[in-house]
Amino acid sequence: MRLREVPPSAWIGLFGLALALFAATSGPLVAPFGETEVVGDVWAPPGGAFLLGTDNLGRDLLSRLIYGARTTIFVALAATLLSFTLGMVLSFIAAVTGGFLDQLLSRVNDLMMAIPTLIFALVVLAVLPQNLWILILVMAVLDSTRVFRLGRAVALDVAVMDFVEAARLRGEGTGWIIFREILPNTLAPLLAEFGLRFVFAILFLSTLSFLGLGIQPPAADWGGMVKDNKDGILFGISAALVPGAAIATLAICVNLIVDWLLKRAASLRGGRGDG
């Protein structure tokens, strides 16, 4: 792949994602103030030492936004990685083995998907202790049902191919068939789905934090920042719009990258087919 073949939209997405990752990994080094440090008046306007103004407690919005990137991206990425690991392994096992195990896993997955995700998460998180890893686990388990559905669908398409049947006739085990035969041939749709699920994880985490069951204060995350400053909108104060814009921008950037990867994978498949 040559750099000039990358479309401008993908460059925009890559730049935005790189900026967010830089803020997430270098927060304490680049943030002007501390994460919980009160440095000015309540809802001070942008300008001077406060590039984006201050929040409802007088904390610097830019600093909170940078620290919030670390929390938001870490939790969303950890939940997405865990959900993909769980969903892909179970879906590939179901597709390869078939029979009773496939039906059992599929029906349990259907049952989980029948429960509204947000309501299920609110009930579980309200009962369990407020812990970061519990939050990640709940998000991952709920999201793994969507991964299972897609993984099983693409794995079933590949599982009937001749090279998979040849591997079975050679006596290869389930692990070999999953990781050496099916997984390499399903990476394109799964990578695209990973990007989309990462975006949904960010939005879901922000929703939980806005409702008070996500990241707990005084830790900064973008959804919690919207909740903290939402009352300022009534007075024409834009403090709640800053983290909201960050959430929307990151989601758009990831989607731009996913669209580019999907188009590139489609063109590569088309090129092989034409040959």
C-alpha atoms as a PDB file:
ATOM      1  CA  MET A   1       0.000   0.000   0.000  1.00  0.00           C
ATOM      2  CA  ARG A   2       1.325   3.449  -0.990  1.00  0.00           C
ATOM      3  CA  LEU A   3       0.690   6.572   1.052  1.00  0.00           C
ATOM      4  CA  ARG A   4      -0.819   8.391  -1.922  1.00  0.00           C
ATOM      5  CA  GLU A   5      -3.448   5.653  -2.181  1.00  0.00           C
ATOM      6  CA  VAL A   6      -4.834   6.582   1.238  1.00  0.00           C
ATOM      7  CA  PRO A   7      -7.874   8.867   0.737  1.00  0.00           C
ATOM      8  CA  PRO A   8      -8.132  12.238   2.537  1.00  0.00           C
ATOM      9  CA  SER A   9     -11.003  10.976   4.691  1.00  0.00           C
ATOM     10  CA  ALA A  10      -8.811   8.168   6.031  1.00  0.00           C
ATOM     11  CA  TRP A  11      -6.002  10.636   6.776  1.00  0.00           C
ATOM     12  CA  ILE A  12      -8.473  12.748   8.757  1.00  0.00           C
ATOM     13  CA  GLY A  13      -9.569   9.675  10.696  1.00  0.00           C
ATOM     14  CA  LEU A  14      -5.998   8.559  11.337  1.00  0.00           C
ATOM     15  CA  PHE A  15      -4.999  12.037  12.519  1.00  0.00           C
ATOM     16  CA  GLY A  16      -7.957  12.282  14.887  1.00  0.00           C
ATOM     17  CA  LEU A  17      -7.361   8.814  16.310  1.00  0.00           C
ATOM     18  CA  ALA A  18      -3.633   9.500  16.716  1.00  0.00           C
ATOM     19  CA  LEU A  19      -4.413  12.746  18.545  1.00  0.00           C
ATOM     20  CA  ALA A  20      -6.798  10.967  20.902  1.00  0.00           C
ATOM     21  CA  LEU A  21      -4.273   8.197  21.575  1.00  0.00           C
ATOM     22  CA  PHE A  22      -1.555  10.780  22.212  1.00  0.00           C
ATOM     23  CA  ALA A  23      -3.772  12.515  24.769  1.00  0.00           C
ATOM     24  CA  ALA A  24      -4.628   9.170  26.363  1.00  0.00           C
ATOM     25  CA  THR A  25      -0.995   8.072  26.713  1.00  0.00           C
ATOM     26  CA  SER A  26       0.593  11.436  27.537  1.00  0.00           C
ATOM     27  CA  GLY A  27      -2.109  13.056  29.660  1.00  0.00           C
ATOM     28  CA  PRO A  28      -0.080  13.963  32.762  1.00  0.00           C
ATOM     29  CA  LEU A  29       2.744  15.339  30.585  1.00  0.00           C
ATOM     30  CA  VAL A  30       0.695  17.652  28.367  1.00  0.00           C
ATOM     31  CA  ALA A  31      -2.258  18.636  30.569  1.00  0.00           C
ATOM     32  CA  PRO A  32      -1.885  22.218  31.881  1.00  0.00           C
ATOM     33  CA  PHE A  33      -3.404  21.333  35.272  1.00  0.00           C
ATOM     34  CA  GLY A  34      -4.191  18.287  37.388  1.00  0.00           C
ATOM     35  CA  GLU A  35      -7.177  16.033  36.802  1.00  0.00           C
ATOM     36  CA  THR A  36      -9.085  17.175  39.903  1.00  0.00           C
ATOM     37  CA  GLU A  37      -7.360  20.499  40.554  1.00  0.00           C
ATOM     38  CA  VAL A  38      -9.670  23.493  41.081  1.00  0.00           C
ATOM     39  CA  VAL A  39      -7.928  26.374  39.325  1.00  0.00           C
ATOM     40  CA  GLY A  40     -10.511  29.081  38.598  1.00  0.00           C
ATOM     41  CA  ASP A  41     -14.064  30.322  38.841  1.00  0.00           C
ATOM     42  CA  VAL A  42     -17.045  28.138  38.041  1.00  0.00           C
ATOM     43  CA  TRP A  43     -17.721  27.980  34.287  1.00  0.00           C
ATOM     44  CA  ALA A  44     -15.125  30.586  33.425  1.00  0.00           C
ATOM     45  CA  PRO A  45     -15.182  31.442  29.692  1.00  0.00           C
ATOM     46  CA  PRO A  46     -12.399  30.275  27.368  1.00  0.00           C
ATOM     47  CA  GLY A  47      -9.347  32.465  27.299  1.00  0.00           C
ATOM     48  CA  GLY A  48      -6.143  33.220  29.123  1.00  0.00           C
ATOM     49  CA  ALA A  49      -4.837  30.242  31.069  1.00  0.00           C
ATOM     50  CA  PHE A  50      -7.997  28.244  30.338  1.00  0.00           C
ATOM     51  CA  LEU A  51      -8.097  27.481  26.624  1.00  0.00           C
ATOM     52  CA  LEU A  52     -11.517  25.804  26.832  1.00  0.00           C
ATOM     53  CA  GLY A  53     -12.735  27.436  30.023  1.00  0.00           C
ATOM     54  CA  THR A  54     -13.543  25.743  33.324  1.00  0.00           C
ATOM     55  CA  ASP A  55     -16.228  23.299  34.454  1.00  0.00           C
ATOM     56  CA  ASN A  56     -18.917  23.388  37.132  1.00  0.00           C
ATOM     57  CA  LEU A  57     -16.327  23.184  39.936  1.00  0.00           C
ATOM     58  CA  GLY A  58     -13.711  25.480  38.442  1.00  0.00           C
ATOM     59  CA  ARG A  59     -11.484  22.741  36.991  1.00  0.00           C
ATOM     60  CA  ASP A  60      -9.718  23.312  33.679  1.00  0.00           C
ATOM     61  CA  LEU A  61     -11.785  21.761  30.876  1.00  0.00           C
ATOM     62  CA  LEU A  62      -8.821  21.089  28.605  1.00  0.00           C
ATOM     63  CA  SER A  63      -6.997  19.190  31.338  1.00  0.00           C
ATOM     64  CA  ARG A  64     -10.111  17.209  32.201  1.00  0.00           C
ATOM     65  CA  LEU A  65     -10.620  16.443  28.513  1.00  0.00           C
ATOM     66  CA  ILE A  66      -7.065  15.111  28.174  1.00  0.00           C
ATOM     67  CA  TYR A  67      -7.314  12.976  31.315  1.00  0.00           C
ATOM     68  CA  GLY A  68     -10.770  11.843  30.242  1.00  0.00           C
ATOM     69  CA  ALA A  69      -9.355  10.575  26.954  1.00  0.00           C
ATOM     70  CA  ARG A  70      -7.154   8.160  28.875  1.00  0.00           C
ATOM     71  CA  THR A  71     -10.040   6.770  30.934  1.00  0.00           C
ATOM     72  CA  THR A  72     -12.578   6.668  28.109  1.00  0.00           C
ATOM     73  CA  ILE A  73     -10.305   5.049  25.527  1.00  0.00           C
ATOM     74  CA  PHE A  74      -8.801   2.557  27.991  1.00  0.00           C
ATOM     75  CA  VAL A  75     -12.165   1.307  29.251  1.00  0.00           C
ATOM     76  CA  ALA A  76     -13.714   1.173  25.770  1.00  0.00           C
ATOM     77  CA  LEU A  77     -10.684  -0.575  24.261  1.00  0.00           C
ATOM     78  CA  ALA A  78     -10.419  -3.099  27.107  1.00  0.00           C
ATOM     79  CA  ALA A  79     -14.140  -3.904  26.879  1.00  0.00           C
ATOM     80  CA  THR A  80     -13.939  -4.253  23.079  1.00  0.00           C
ATOM     81  CA  LEU A  81     -10.899  -6.541  23.199  1.00  0.00           C
ATOM     82  CA  LEU A  82     -12.531  -8.724  25.854  1.00  0.00           C
ATOM     83  CA  SER A  83     -15.859  -8.857  24.026  1.00  0.00           C
ATOM     84  CA  PHE A  84     -14.149  -9.819  20.772  1.00  0.00           C
ATOM     85  CA  THR A  85     -12.093 -12.527  22.431  1.00  0.00           C
ATOM     86  CA  LEU A  86     -15.161 -14.031  24.081  1.00  0.00           C
ATOM     87  CA  GLY A  87     -17.521 -13.592  21.131  1.00  0.00           C
ATOM     88  CA  MET A  88     -15.141 -14.815  18.434  1.00  0.00           C
ATOM     89  CA  VAL A  89     -13.961 -17.904  20.304  1.00  0.00           C
ATOM     90  CA  LEU A  90     -17.500 -19.013  21.173  1.00  0.00           C
ATOM     91  CA  SER A  91     -18.888 -18.219  17.712  1.00  0.00           C
ATOM     92  CA  PHE A  92     -16.099 -20.072  15.898  1.00  0.00           C
ATOM     93  CA  ILE A  93     -16.484 -23.076  18.190  1.00  0.00           C
ATOM     94  CA  ALA A  94     -20.236 -23.083  17.522  1.00  0.00           C
ATOM     95  CA  ALA A  95     -19.729 -22.820  13.748  1.00  0.00           C
ATOM     96  CA  VAL A  96     -17.071 -25.555  13.581  1.00  0.00           C
ATOM     97  CA  THR A  97     -18.645 -28.112  15.937  1.00  0.00           C
ATOM     98  CA  GLY A  98     -22.311 -27.561  15.009  1.00  0.00           C
ATOM     99  CA  GLY A  99     -25.007 -29.788  16.482  1.00  0.00           C
ATOM    100  CA  PHE A 100     -26.194 -29.418  20.061  1.00  0.00           C
ATOM    101  CA  LEU A 101     -23.368 -27.089  21.167  1.00  0.00           C
ATOM    102  CA  ASP A 102     -24.078 -24.702  18.301  1.00  0.00           C
ATOM    103  CA  GLN A 103     -27.783 -24.625  19.146  1.00  0.00           C
ATOM    104  CA  LEU A 104     -27.118 -24.133  22.854  1.00  0.00           C
ATOM    105  CA  LEU A 105     -24.692 -21.234  22.375  1.00  0.00           C
ATOM    106  CA  SER A 106     -26.906 -19.624  19.734  1.00  0.00           C
ATOM    107  CA  ARG A 107     -30.048 -19.779  21.868  1.00  0.00           C
ATOM    108  CA  VAL A 108     -28.244 -18.391  24.931  1.00  0.00           C
ATOM    109  CA  ASN A 109     -26.912 -15.588  22.736  1.00  0.00           C
ATOM    110  CA  ASP A 110     -30.423 -14.890  21.408  1.00  0.00           C
ATOM    111  CA  LEU A 111     -31.713 -14.727  24.973  1.00  0.00           C
ATOM    112  CA  MET A 112     -29.020 -12.222  25.952  1.00  0.00           C
ATOM    113  CA  MET A 113     -29.733 -10.086  22.898  1.00  0.00           C
ATOM    114  CA  ALA A 114     -33.456 -10.052  23.685  1.00  0.00           C
ATOM    115  CA  ILE A 115     -32.764  -8.118  26.890  1.00  0.00           C
ATOM    116  CA  PRO A 116     -32.373  -4.338  26.325  1.00  0.00           C
ATOM    117  CA  THR A 117     -28.654  -3.682  26.720  1.00  0.00           C
ATOM    118  CA  LEU A 118     -28.872  -0.420  28.629  1.00  0.00           C
ATOM    119  CA  ILE A 119     -31.513  -1.686  31.071  1.00  0.00           C
ATOM    120  CA  PHE A 120     -29.536  -4.886  31.701  1.00  0.00           C
ATOM    121  CA  ALA A 121     -26.342  -2.902  32.325  1.00  0.00           C
ATOM    122  CA  LEU A 122     -28.073  -0.464  34.679  1.00  0.00           C
ATOM    123  CA  VAL A 123     -29.575  -3.281  36.750  1.00  0.00           C
ATOM    124  CA  VAL A 124     -26.311  -5.235  36.994  1.00  0.00           C
ATOM    125  CA  LEU A 125     -24.131  -2.198  37.748  1.00  0.00           C
ATOM    126  CA  ALA A 126     -26.601  -0.946  40.352  1.00  0.00           C
ATOM    127  CA  VAL A 127     -26.290  -4.264  42.232  1.00  0.00           C
ATOM    128  CA  LEU A 128     -22.556  -4.907  41.862  1.00  0.00           C
ATOM    129  CA  PRO A 129     -19.810  -2.809  43.520  1.00  0.00           C
ATOM    130  CA  GLN A 130     -18.634   0.303  41.689  1.00  0.00           C
ATOM    131  CA  ASN A 131     -15.420  -1.094  40.262  1.00  0.00           C
ATOM    132  CA  LEU A 132     -13.645  -0.275  37.001  1.00  0.00           C
ATOM    133  CA  TRP A 133     -13.044  -3.925  36.041  1.00  0.00           C
ATOM    134  CA  ILE A 134     -16.639  -4.871  36.806  1.00  0.00           C
ATOM    135  CA  LEU A 135     -17.735  -2.078  34.471  1.00  0.00           C
ATOM    136  CA  ILE A 136     -15.414  -3.393  31.736  1.00  0.00           C
ATOM    137  CA  LEU A 137     -16.629  -6.978  32.242  1.00  0.00           C
ATOM    138  CA  VAL A 138     -20.307  -6.013  32.053  1.00  0.00           C
ATOM    139  CA  MET A 139     -19.729  -3.992  28.888  1.00  0.00           C
ATOM    140  CA  ALA A 140     -17.721  -6.828  27.329  1.00  0.00           C
ATOM    141  CA  VAL A 141     -20.279  -9.550  28.086  1.00  0.00           C
ATOM    142  CA  LEU A 142     -23.136  -7.481  26.671  1.00  0.00           C
ATOM    143  CA  ASP A 143     -21.195  -6.550  23.547  1.00  0.00           C
ATOM    144  CA  SER A 144     -19.927 -10.089  22.961  1.00  0.00           C
ATOM    145  CA  THR A 145     -23.456 -11.136  21.921  1.00  0.00           C
ATOM    146  CA  ARG A 146     -23.190  -8.901  18.833  1.00  0.00           C
ATOM    147  CA  VAL A 147     -19.712 -10.229  18.087  1.00  0.00           C
ATOM    148  CA  PHE A 148     -20.988 -13.810  18.433  1.00  0.00           C
ATOM    149  CA  ARG A 149     -23.729 -13.216  15.880  1.00  0.00           C
ATOM    150  CA  LEU A 150     -21.367 -11.787  13.276  1.00  0.00           C
ATOM    151  CA  GLY A 151     -18.571 -14.255  14.014  1.00  0.00           C
ATOM    152  CA  ARG A 152     -20.848 -17.257  13.651  1.00  0.00           C
ATOM    153  CA  ALA A 153     -22.271 -15.932  10.372  1.00  0.00           C
ATOM    154  CA  VAL A 154     -18.885 -15.373   8.721  1.00  0.00           C
ATOM    155  CA  ALA A 155     -17.429 -18.577  10.184  1.00  0.00           C
ATOM    156  CA  LEU A 156     -20.285 -20.667   8.793  1.00  0.00           C
ATOM    157  CA  ASP A 157     -19.575 -19.300   5.319  1.00  0.00           C
ATOM    158  CA  VAL A 158     -15.915 -20.302   5.551  1.00  0.00           C
ATOM    159  CA  ALA A 159     -16.493 -23.607   7.380  1.00  0.00           C
ATOM    160  CA  VAL A 160     -18.091 -25.176   4.302  1.00  0.00           C
ATOM    161  CA  MET A 161     -15.177 -24.338   2.008  1.00  0.00           C
ATOM    162  CA  ASP A 162     -13.097 -27.117   0.459  1.00  0.00           C
ATOM    163  CA  PHE A 163      -9.889 -26.216   2.272  1.00  0.00           C
ATOM    164  CA  VAL A 164     -11.666 -26.526   5.641  1.00  0.00           C
ATOM    165  CA  GLU A 165     -13.044 -29.940   4.646  1.00  0.00           C
ATOM    166  CA  ALA A 166      -9.542 -30.932   3.579  1.00  0.00           C
ATOM    167  CA  ALA A 167      -8.210 -29.920   6.991  1.00  0.00           C
ATOM    168  CA  ARG A 168     -10.858 -32.056   8.678  1.00  0.00           C
ATOM    169  CA  LEU A 169      -9.943 -35.034   6.489  1.00  0.00           C
ATOM    170  CA  ARG A 170      -6.290 -34.577   7.453  1.00  0.00           C
ATOM    171  CA  GLY A 171      -7.369 -34.995  11.050  1.00  0.00           C
ATOM    172  CA  GLU A 172      -6.752 -31.396  12.158  1.00  0.00           C
ATOM    173  CA  GLY A 173      -8.324 -30.421  15.475  1.00  0.00           C
ATOM    174  CA  THR A 174     -10.849 -27.682  16.204  1.00  0.00           C
ATOM    175  CA  GLY A 175      -8.136 -25.233  17.285  1.00  0.00           C
ATOM    176  CA  TRP A 176      -6.219 -25.642  14.033  1.00  0.00           C
ATOM    177  CA  ILE A 177      -9.344 -25.168  11.911  1.00  0.00           C
ATOM    178  CA  ILE A 178     -10.370 -22.045  13.843  1.00  0.00           C
ATOM    179  CA  PHE A 179      -7.018 -20.250  14.007  1.00  0.00           C
ATOM    180  CA  ARG A 180      -5.345 -21.476  10.800  1.00  0.00           C
ATOM    181  CA  GLU A 181      -8.230 -21.880   8.387  1.00  0.00           C
ATOM    182  CA  ILE A 182     -11.236 -19.769   9.420  1.00  0.00           C
ATOM    183  CA  LEU A 183      -9.751 -16.767  11.245  1.00  0.00           C
ATOM    184  CA  PRO A 184      -7.368 -15.607   8.463  1.00  0.00           C
ATOM    185  CA  ASN A 185     -10.240 -15.691   5.973  1.00  0.00           C
ATOM    186  CA  THR A 186     -12.625 -13.642   8.130  1.00  0.00           C
ATOM    187  CA  LEU A 187     -10.289 -10.872   9.306  1.00  0.00           C
ATOM    188  CA  ALA A 188     -11.637  -8.127   7.020  1.00  0.00           C
ATOM    189  CA  PRO A 189     -15.245  -8.053   8.329  1.00  0.00           C
ATOM    190  CA  LEU A 190     -14.075  -8.745  11.875  1.00  0.00           C
ATOM    191  CA  LEU A 191     -11.609  -5.835  11.856  1.00  0.00           C
ATOM    192  CA  ALA A 192     -14.325  -3.537  10.556  1.00  0.00           C
ATOM    193  CA  GLU A 193     -16.686  -4.785  13.245  1.00  0.00           C
ATOM    194  CA  PHE A 194     -13.961  -4.224  15.859  1.00  0.00           C
ATOM    195  CA  GLY A 195     -13.796  -0.559  14.913  1.00  0.00           C
ATOM    196  CA  LEU A 196     -17.558  -0.170  15.074  1.00  0.00           C
ATOM    197  CA  ARG A 197     -17.806  -1.997  18.392  1.00  0.00           C
ATOM    198  CA  PHE A 198     -15.057   0.263  19.786  1.00  0.00           C
ATOM    199  CA  VAL A 199     -17.147   3.292  18.848  1.00  0.00           C
ATOM    200  CA  PHE A 200     -20.258   1.765  20.385  1.00  0.00           C
ATOM    201  CA  ALA A 201     -18.266   0.996  23.553  1.00  0.00           C
ATOM    202  CA  ILE A 202     -17.271   4.657  23.839  1.00  0.00           C
ATOM    203  CA  LEU A 203     -20.875   5.765  23.374  1.00  0.00           C
ATOM    204  CA  PHE A 204     -22.160   3.124  25.803  1.00  0.00           C
ATOM    205  CA  LEU A 205     -19.585   4.076  28.451  1.00  0.00           C
ATOM    206  CA  SER A 206     -20.475   7.743  28.019  1.00  0.00           C
ATOM    207  CA  THR A 207     -24.160   6.898  28.464  1.00  0.00           C
ATOM    208  CA  LEU A 208     -23.484   4.924  31.643  1.00  0.00           C
ATOM    209  CA  SER A 209     -21.311   7.723  33.038  1.00  0.00           C
ATOM    210  CA  PHE A 210     -23.997  10.281  32.198  1.00  0.00           C
ATOM    211  CA  LEU A 211     -26.483   8.163  34.163  1.00  0.00           C
ATOM    212  CA  GLY A 212     -24.092   7.892  37.117  1.00  0.00           C
ATOM    213  CA  LEU A 213     -23.138   4.198  36.786  1.00  0.00           C
ATOM    214  CA  GLY A 214     -20.021   4.476  34.623  1.00  0.00           C
ATOM    215  CA  ILE A 215     -16.734   6.085  35.640  1.00  0.00           C
ATOM    216  CA  GLN A 216     -17.142   7.494  39.117  1.00  0.00           C
ATOM    217  CA  PRO A 217     -16.028  11.022  40.101  1.00  0.00           C
ATOM    218  CA  PRO A 218     -13.606  12.622  40.633  1.00  0.00           C
ATOM    219  CA  ALA A 219     -12.037  10.610  37.765  1.00  0.00           C
ATOM    220  CA  ALA A 220     -12.566  12.321  34.418  1.00  0.00           C
ATOM    221  CA  ASP A 221     -14.302  10.733  31.462  1.00  0.00           C
ATOM    222  CA  TRP A 222     -16.096  12.386  28.608  1.00  0.00           C
ATOM    223  CA  GLY A 223     -19.586  11.135  29.426  1.00  0.00           C
ATOM    224  CA  GLY A 224     -19.236  12.176  33.052  1.00  0.00           C
ATOM    225  CA  MET A 225     -18.033  15.615  31.955  1.00  0.00           C
ATOM    226  CA  VAL A 226     -21.214  16.074  29.932  1.00  0.00           C
ATOM    227  CA  LYS A 227     -23.257  15.137  32.996  1.00  0.00           C
ATOM    228  CA  ASP A 228     -21.318  17.498  35.275  1.00  0.00           C
ATOM    229  CA  ASN A 229     -21.816  20.494  33.007  1.00  0.00           C
ATOM    230  CA  LYS A 230     -25.238  19.838  31.481  1.00  0.00           C
ATOM    231  CA  ASP A 231     -26.931  22.462  33.678  1.00  0.00           C
ATOM    232  CA  GLY A 232     -24.724  25.145  32.170  1.00  0.00           C
ATOM    233  CA  ILE A 233     -26.553  24.772  28.846  1.00  0.00           C
ATOM    234  CA  LEU A 234     -29.563  26.518  30.441  1.00  0.00           C
ATOM    235  CA  PHE A 235     -27.369  29.592  30.938  1.00  0.00           C
ATOM    236  CA  GLY A 236     -25.758  29.527  27.505  1.00  0.00           C
ATOM    237  CA  ILE A 237     -22.517  27.942  28.778  1.00  0.00           C
ATOM    238  CA  SER A 238     -20.894  25.505  26.349  1.00  0.00           C
ATOM    239  CA  ALA A 239     -18.867  23.448  28.847  1.00  0.00           C
ATOM    240  CA  ALA A 240     -20.985  20.331  28.246  1.00  0.00           C
ATOM    241  CA  LEU A 241     -20.551  20.627  24.481  1.00  0.00           C
ATOM    242  CA  VAL A 242     -16.753  20.251  24.643  1.00  0.00           C
ATOM    243  CA  PRO A 243     -16.664  16.584  25.800  1.00  0.00           C
ATOM    244  CA  GLY A 244     -19.715  15.869  23.644  1.00  0.00           C
ATOM    245  CA  ALA A 245     -17.819  17.149  20.616  1.00  0.00           C
ATOM    246  CA  ALA A 246     -14.823  14.991  21.593  1.00  0.00           C
ATOM    247  CA  ILE A 247     -17.018  11.868  21.689  1.00  0.00           C
ATOM    248  CA  ALA A 248     -18.575  12.675  18.318  1.00  0.00           C
ATOM    249  CA  THR A 249     -15.227  13.520  16.703  1.00  0.00           C
ATOM    250  CA  LEU A 250     -13.558  10.304  17.855  1.00  0.00           C
ATOM    251  CA  ALA A 251     -16.527   8.248  16.657  1.00  0.00           C
ATOM    252  CA  ILE A 252     -16.397   9.903  13.232  1.00  0.00           C
ATOM    253  CA  CYS A 253     -12.620   9.391  12.943  1.00  0.00           C
ATOM    254  CA  VAL A 254     -12.858   5.677  13.744  1.00  0.00           C
ATOM    255  CA  ASN A 255     -15.718   5.255  11.265  1.00  0.00           C
ATOM    256  CA  LEU A 256     -13.677   6.973   8.539  1.00  0.00           C
ATOM    257  CA  ILE A 257     -10.846   4.496   9.120  1.00  0.00           C
ATOM    258  CA  VAL A 258     -13.250   1.537   9.143  1.00  0.00           C
ATOM    259  CA  ASP A 259     -14.845   2.667   5.867  1.00  0.00           C
ATOM    260  CA  TRP A 260     -11.420   2.922   4.241  1.00  0.00           C
ATOM    261  CA  LEU A 261     -10.369  -0.525   5.456  1.00  0.00           C
ATOM    262  CA  LEU A 262     -13.601  -2.069   4.198  1.00  0.00           C
ATOM    263  CA  LYS A 263     -13.244  -0.481   0.764  1.00  0.00           C
ATOM    264  CA  ARG A 264      -9.603  -1.533   0.555  1.00  0.00           C
ATOM    265  CA  ALA A 265     -10.430  -5.124   1.527  1.00  0.00           C
ATOM    266  CA  ALA A 266     -13.245  -5.213  -1.036  1.00  0.00           C
ATOM    267  CA  SER A 267     -10.953  -3.916  -3.793  1.00  0.00           C
ATOM    268  CA  LEU A 268      -8.294  -6.491  -2.932  1.00  0.00           C
ATOM    269  CA  ARG A 269     -10.831  -9.316  -3.120  1.00  0.00           C
ATOM    270  CA  GLY A 270     -12.108  -7.952  -6.409  1.00  0.00           C
ATOM    271  CA  GLY A 271      -8.583  -7.772  -7.793  1.00  0.00           C
ATOM    272  CA  ARG A 272      -7.882 -11.395  -6.916  1.00  0.00           C
ATOM    273  CA  GLY A 273     -11.161 -12.464  -8.404  1.00  0.00           C
ATOM    274  CA  ASP A 274     -10.518 -10.676 -11.686  1.00  0.00           C
ATOM    275  CA  GLY A 275      -7.132 -12.358 -12.008  1.00  0.00           C
END
